Protein backbone atom coordinates (compact mmCIF):
# COMPACT_ATOMS: atom_id res chain seq x y z
CA MET A 1 -12.47 46.45 -114.71
CA LYS A 2 -16.01 48.31 -114.77
CA LYS A 3 -17.41 48.93 -110.99
CA ILE A 4 -20.94 48.29 -110.30
CA LEU A 5 -22.57 49.60 -107.45
CA LEU A 6 -25.06 47.79 -106.12
CA VAL A 7 -28.01 49.45 -103.65
CA ASP A 8 -29.94 47.55 -101.91
CA ASP A 9 -30.81 46.60 -98.11
CA GLU A 10 -31.60 42.82 -98.29
CA GLU A 11 -28.28 40.75 -97.78
CA SER A 12 -29.52 37.52 -99.97
CA ILE A 13 -29.77 40.03 -103.19
CA HIS A 14 -26.36 41.29 -102.38
CA LEU A 15 -24.71 37.78 -102.68
CA LEU A 16 -26.33 36.46 -105.48
CA TYR A 17 -25.83 40.12 -107.55
CA ARG A 18 -21.96 39.76 -106.35
CA GLU A 19 -21.64 36.26 -107.19
CA GLU A 20 -23.49 36.68 -110.28
CA PHE A 21 -22.06 39.84 -111.66
CA GLU A 22 -18.22 39.23 -110.27
CA GLU A 23 -18.68 36.18 -112.33
CA GLU A 24 -19.69 38.24 -115.60
CA GLY A 25 -16.21 40.19 -114.63
CA TYR A 26 -17.39 43.28 -112.97
CA GLU A 27 -15.91 44.49 -109.77
CA VAL A 28 -19.18 44.88 -107.65
CA HIS A 29 -19.07 46.85 -104.30
CA SER A 30 -22.29 46.77 -102.13
CA ALA A 31 -23.95 49.29 -100.41
CA LEU A 32 -27.15 48.50 -97.78
CA SER A 33 -28.64 51.71 -97.41
CA GLY A 34 -29.21 55.08 -99.32
CA THR A 35 -26.87 57.09 -96.88
CA ASP A 36 -24.27 54.34 -97.87
CA ALA A 37 -24.50 54.29 -101.55
CA LEU A 38 -23.96 58.05 -101.40
CA GLU A 39 -21.19 57.53 -99.89
CA LYS A 40 -19.32 55.41 -101.90
CA PHE A 41 -20.77 56.41 -105.35
CA ARG A 42 -18.49 59.55 -104.21
CA LEU A 43 -15.55 57.17 -103.10
CA ILE A 44 -15.74 54.83 -105.94
CA ALA A 45 -16.85 56.71 -109.02
CA PRO A 46 -18.93 53.35 -110.13
CA ASP A 47 -19.42 52.85 -114.18
CA LEU A 48 -23.04 51.51 -113.01
CA VAL A 49 -25.20 51.40 -110.72
CA ILE A 50 -28.12 49.28 -109.47
CA LEU A 51 -30.99 50.62 -107.21
CA ASP A 52 -33.22 49.48 -104.90
CA ILE A 53 -36.26 51.68 -104.29
CA ASN A 54 -37.72 50.35 -100.98
CA MET A 55 -35.03 50.84 -98.00
CA PRO A 56 -35.16 51.56 -94.57
CA ASP A 57 -33.37 55.13 -94.19
CA MET A 58 -33.72 57.18 -97.67
CA ASN A 59 -36.30 56.20 -100.71
CA GLY A 60 -34.09 54.95 -103.68
CA ILE A 61 -35.92 57.43 -105.95
CA GLU A 62 -34.28 60.04 -103.69
CA VAL A 63 -31.10 58.50 -103.93
CA LEU A 64 -31.21 57.78 -107.62
CA ARG A 65 -32.07 62.16 -107.84
CA GLN A 66 -29.03 62.73 -106.03
CA MET A 67 -27.01 60.48 -108.49
CA LYS A 68 -27.96 62.12 -110.95
CA GLU A 69 -27.19 65.61 -109.76
CA ILE A 70 -23.64 64.69 -109.74
CA ASN A 71 -23.41 62.50 -112.19
CA PRO A 72 -26.18 63.14 -114.94
CA THR A 73 -24.75 60.64 -118.14
CA LEU A 74 -24.17 57.48 -115.27
CA PRO A 75 -26.30 54.80 -115.87
CA ILE A 76 -28.50 53.72 -113.08
CA ILE A 77 -30.41 50.65 -113.23
CA LEU A 78 -34.10 50.52 -110.75
CA SER A 79 -34.22 46.87 -109.77
CA THR A 80 -37.17 47.02 -106.97
CA ALA A 81 -40.08 43.99 -106.24
CA TYR A 82 -42.69 46.39 -107.18
CA HIS A 83 -44.45 47.41 -110.25
CA GLU A 84 -46.41 50.34 -109.10
CA TYR A 85 -42.92 52.50 -108.47
CA LYS A 86 -42.86 52.36 -112.51
CA GLN A 87 -44.81 55.19 -112.82
CA ASP A 88 -43.46 57.52 -110.37
CA LEU A 89 -42.07 60.38 -112.45
CA GLY A 90 -38.85 59.91 -109.86
CA ALA A 91 -38.04 56.53 -111.07
CA TRP A 92 -38.34 58.56 -115.22
CA ALA A 93 -34.96 59.55 -114.24
CA SER A 94 -33.12 55.89 -114.31
CA ASP A 95 -31.70 54.42 -117.30
CA GLU A 96 -33.78 51.60 -116.76
CA TYR A 97 -36.22 50.04 -114.65
CA ILE A 98 -36.35 45.81 -114.34
CA VAL A 99 -38.67 44.14 -111.68
CA LYS A 100 -36.91 41.59 -109.13
CA SER A 101 -36.91 38.28 -110.48
CA SER A 102 -35.00 34.82 -109.91
CA ASP A 103 -34.16 34.83 -113.37
CA LEU A 104 -31.54 37.64 -113.75
CA GLY A 105 -31.30 37.64 -117.52
CA GLU A 106 -33.16 40.67 -118.15
CA LEU A 107 -31.05 42.37 -115.37
CA LYS A 108 -27.38 41.28 -116.84
CA GLU A 109 -28.50 42.01 -120.13
CA ALA A 110 -29.49 45.79 -119.11
CA VAL A 111 -25.77 46.02 -117.63
CA ARG A 112 -24.09 44.62 -120.40
CA ARG A 113 -26.00 47.20 -122.79
CA TYR A 114 -24.58 50.26 -120.52
CA ILE A 115 -21.15 49.51 -119.64
CA SER A 116 -20.10 47.31 -122.15
């Protein structure tokens, strides 16, 4: 079973994404902060990361940078509510940039594309 690490500081996102992606047959691990994400990243060796940008302890772009240093080929999808970060050079290291929406179709398609 393919493992997804979901990194977001909003509990409601975790509940929604966990339900949706487990239904699709993925094993979903959650992290509520950047620090927690880096710890779990090393422990579980996910097949893909869905990463928020705005978090209280560490910016998602910094988390992305550190994860890519450890595993440069791991697919990381930035999923954020903000369009403006797409222009940030750090965001370019992600494999996909998706603006959060109540319709998870685009996100699900990206996940399938990277870890099918």
